[in-house]
Every structure is written in C-alpha cells, then in structure tokens.
C-alpha cells in the first residue's frame, strides 16, 4: 500500500476539491493513529454537507480490529438515523 501512496503523492498534493460531498458521511478515527493524523478526519468532514465523525481516543489506525463491537455499534446507529 505504501508504494501506491508514494506513486500518487504528487496527485494528492496538487488535488483541489471543488465539490461538496452531499450524501451522509460518517468518519470514525483513532486518535492514536501513527500513520494519519486525526486532524485529517476533521479536514475531511469540511467537504461533507452531512458529515459526522467520532474520534476514538485509545484507538490506532486499526480501530476496526481493536474495537469491532464499538465500531459496529457506531455504524449501525449512524445508518439507523439517516
């Protein structure tokens, strides 16, 4: 996966997002992610008209493996509400 990111770094760095995401969007992020800052989650939600997010303080990049029941519960609640 890291090679994919390396190959596309120039594209990501120069990409400009001009449209808002209009579908309901839910971001779940681990605050202790060692690869991607939780600030990226906040920034991503700025592009969503109906964006919501949950930051999990003790979770890392692999939060779906670390807390599968909690993640399933959060997703189920989000889907039920839309």
C-alpha atoms as a PDB file:
ATOM      1  CA  UNK A   1       0.000   0.000   0.000  1.00  0.00           C
ATOM      2  CA  UNK A   2       2.828   2.391   0.792  1.00  0.00           C
ATOM      3  CA  UNK A   3       4.065   2.219  -2.807  1.00  0.00           C
ATOM      4  CA  UNK A   4       0.616   3.226  -4.047  1.00  0.00           C
ATOM      5  CA  UNK A   5       0.749   6.337  -1.845  1.00  0.00           C
ATOM      6  CA  UNK A   6       4.293   7.128  -2.970  1.00  0.00           C
ATOM      7  CA  UNK A   7       3.313   6.823  -6.629  1.00  0.00           C
ATOM      8  CA  UNK A   8       0.348   9.152  -6.167  1.00  0.00           C
ATOM      9  CA  UNK A   9       1.866  11.711  -3.810  1.00  0.00           C
ATOM     10  CA  UNK A  10       2.148  14.413  -6.480  1.00  0.00           C
ATOM     11  CA  UNK A  11      -1.501  13.929  -7.413  1.00  0.00           C
ATOM     12  CA  UNK A  12      -2.688  14.158  -3.805  1.00  0.00           C
ATOM     13  CA  UNK A  13      -0.562  17.197  -3.065  1.00  0.00           C
ATOM     14  CA  UNK A  14      -1.923  19.133  -6.038  1.00  0.00           C
ATOM     15  CA  UNK A  15      -5.536  17.923  -5.969  1.00  0.00           C
ATOM     16  CA  UNK A  16      -8.167  20.569  -5.368  1.00  0.00           C
ATOM     17  CA  UNK A  17     -11.574  19.541  -4.133  1.00  0.00           C
ATOM     18  CA  UNK A  18     -14.228  21.821  -5.563  1.00  0.00           C
ATOM     19  CA  UNK A  19     -17.416  19.914  -4.837  1.00  0.00           C
ATOM     20  CA  UNK A  20     -19.036  19.098  -1.537  1.00  0.00           C
ATOM     21  CA  UNK A  21     -19.998  15.524  -0.679  1.00  0.00           C
ATOM     22  CA  UNK A  22     -23.784  15.540  -0.422  1.00  0.00           C
ATOM     23  CA  UNK A  23     -24.505  12.029   0.879  1.00  0.00           C
ATOM     24  CA  UNK A  24     -24.480  11.456   4.653  1.00  0.00           C
ATOM     25  CA  UNK A  25     -20.920  10.616   5.645  1.00  0.00           C
ATOM     26  CA  UNK A  26     -19.569   9.181   8.880  1.00  0.00           C
ATOM     27  CA  UNK A  27     -15.871   9.134   9.801  1.00  0.00           C
ATOM     28  CA  UNK A  28     -14.541   7.034  12.676  1.00  0.00           C
ATOM     29  CA  UNK A  29     -10.900   7.742  13.502  1.00  0.00           C
ATOM     30  CA  UNK A  30      -8.382   6.529  16.052  1.00  0.00           C
ATOM     31  CA  UNK A  31      -6.668   9.381  17.902  1.00  0.00           C
ATOM     32  CA  UNK A  32      -3.513   7.288  18.254  1.00  0.00           C
ATOM     33  CA  UNK A  33      -3.225   6.516  14.533  1.00  0.00           C
ATOM     34  CA  UNK A  34       0.514   6.511  13.906  1.00  0.00           C
ATOM     35  CA  UNK A  35       0.128   6.852  10.139  1.00  0.00           C
ATOM     36  CA  UNK A  36      -2.571   9.506   9.649  1.00  0.00           C
ATOM     37  CA  UNK A  37      -3.309  12.419  11.949  1.00  0.00           C
ATOM     38  CA  UNK A  38      -6.797  12.756  13.419  1.00  0.00           C
ATOM     39  CA  UNK A  39      -6.744  16.294  12.008  1.00  0.00           C
ATOM     40  CA  UNK A  40      -7.261  14.720   8.575  1.00  0.00           C
ATOM     41  CA  UNK A  41     -10.628  13.419   9.770  1.00  0.00           C
ATOM     42  CA  UNK A  42     -11.686  16.916  10.778  1.00  0.00           C
ATOM     43  CA  UNK A  43     -10.462  18.347   7.476  1.00  0.00           C
ATOM     44  CA  UNK A  44     -12.299  15.654   5.509  1.00  0.00           C
ATOM     45  CA  UNK A  45     -15.587  16.497   7.205  1.00  0.00           C
ATOM     46  CA  UNK A  46     -15.297  20.081   5.960  1.00  0.00           C
ATOM     47  CA  UNK A  47     -16.054  18.706   2.484  1.00  0.00           C
ATOM     48  CA  UNK A  48     -19.264  16.973   3.611  1.00  0.00           C
ATOM     49  CA  UNK A  49     -22.671  18.648   3.755  1.00  0.00           C
ATOM     50  CA  UNK A  50     -23.929  15.980   6.141  1.00  0.00           C
ATOM     51  CA  UNK A  51     -20.692  14.836   7.751  1.00  0.00           C
ATOM     52  CA  UNK A  52     -20.324  13.431  11.242  1.00  0.00           C
ATOM     53  CA  UNK A  53     -17.340  11.995  12.991  1.00  0.00           C
ATOM     54  CA  UNK A  54     -16.214  10.139  16.066  1.00  0.00           C
ATOM     55  CA  UNK A  55     -12.658  10.230  17.376  1.00  0.00           C
ATOM     56  CA  UNK A  56     -11.700   7.232  19.499  1.00  0.00           C
ATOM     57  CA  UNK A  57      -9.036   8.264  21.998  1.00  0.00           C
ATOM     58  CA  UNK A  58      -7.376   4.923  22.620  1.00  0.00           C
ATOM     59  CA  UNK A  59      -7.611   3.505  19.096  1.00  0.00           C
ATOM     60  CA  UNK A  60      -4.941   3.436  16.408  1.00  0.00           C
ATOM     61  CA  UNK A  61      -5.035   3.011  12.634  1.00  0.00           C
ATOM     62  CA  UNK A  62      -6.539  -0.460  13.136  1.00  0.00           C
ATOM     63  CA  UNK A  63      -9.540   0.558  15.223  1.00  0.00           C
ATOM     64  CA  UNK A  64     -11.894  -1.850  13.441  1.00  0.00           C
ATOM     65  CA  UNK A  65      -9.689  -4.698  14.692  1.00  0.00           C
ATOM     66  CA  UNK A  66      -9.204  -3.217  18.150  1.00  0.00           C
ATOM     67  CA  UNK A  67     -12.831  -2.348  18.896  1.00  0.00           C
ATOM     68  CA  UNK A  68     -15.035  -4.258  16.435  1.00  0.00           C
ATOM     69  CA  UNK A  69     -18.169  -4.196  18.616  1.00  0.00           C
ATOM     70  CA  UNK A  70     -17.926  -0.457  19.247  1.00  0.00           C
ATOM     71  CA  UNK A  71     -17.303   0.269  15.562  1.00  0.00           C
ATOM     72  CA  UNK A  72     -20.266  -1.886  14.525  1.00  0.00           C
ATOM     73  CA  UNK A  73     -22.456  -0.114  17.066  1.00  0.00           C
ATOM     74  CA  UNK A  74     -21.399   3.344  15.837  1.00  0.00           C
ATOM     75  CA  UNK A  75     -22.016   2.428  12.195  1.00  0.00           C
ATOM     76  CA  UNK A  76     -25.390   0.816  12.959  1.00  0.00           C
ATOM     77  CA  UNK A  77     -26.522   3.906  14.884  1.00  0.00           C
ATOM     78  CA  UNK A  78     -25.442   6.212  12.068  1.00  0.00           C
ATOM     79  CA  UNK A  79     -27.223   4.181   9.391  1.00  0.00           C
ATOM     80  CA  UNK A  80     -30.364   3.901  11.503  1.00  0.00           C
ATOM     81  CA  UNK A  81     -30.512   7.667  11.915  1.00  0.00           C
ATOM     82  CA  UNK A  82     -30.389   8.525   8.196  1.00  0.00           C
END
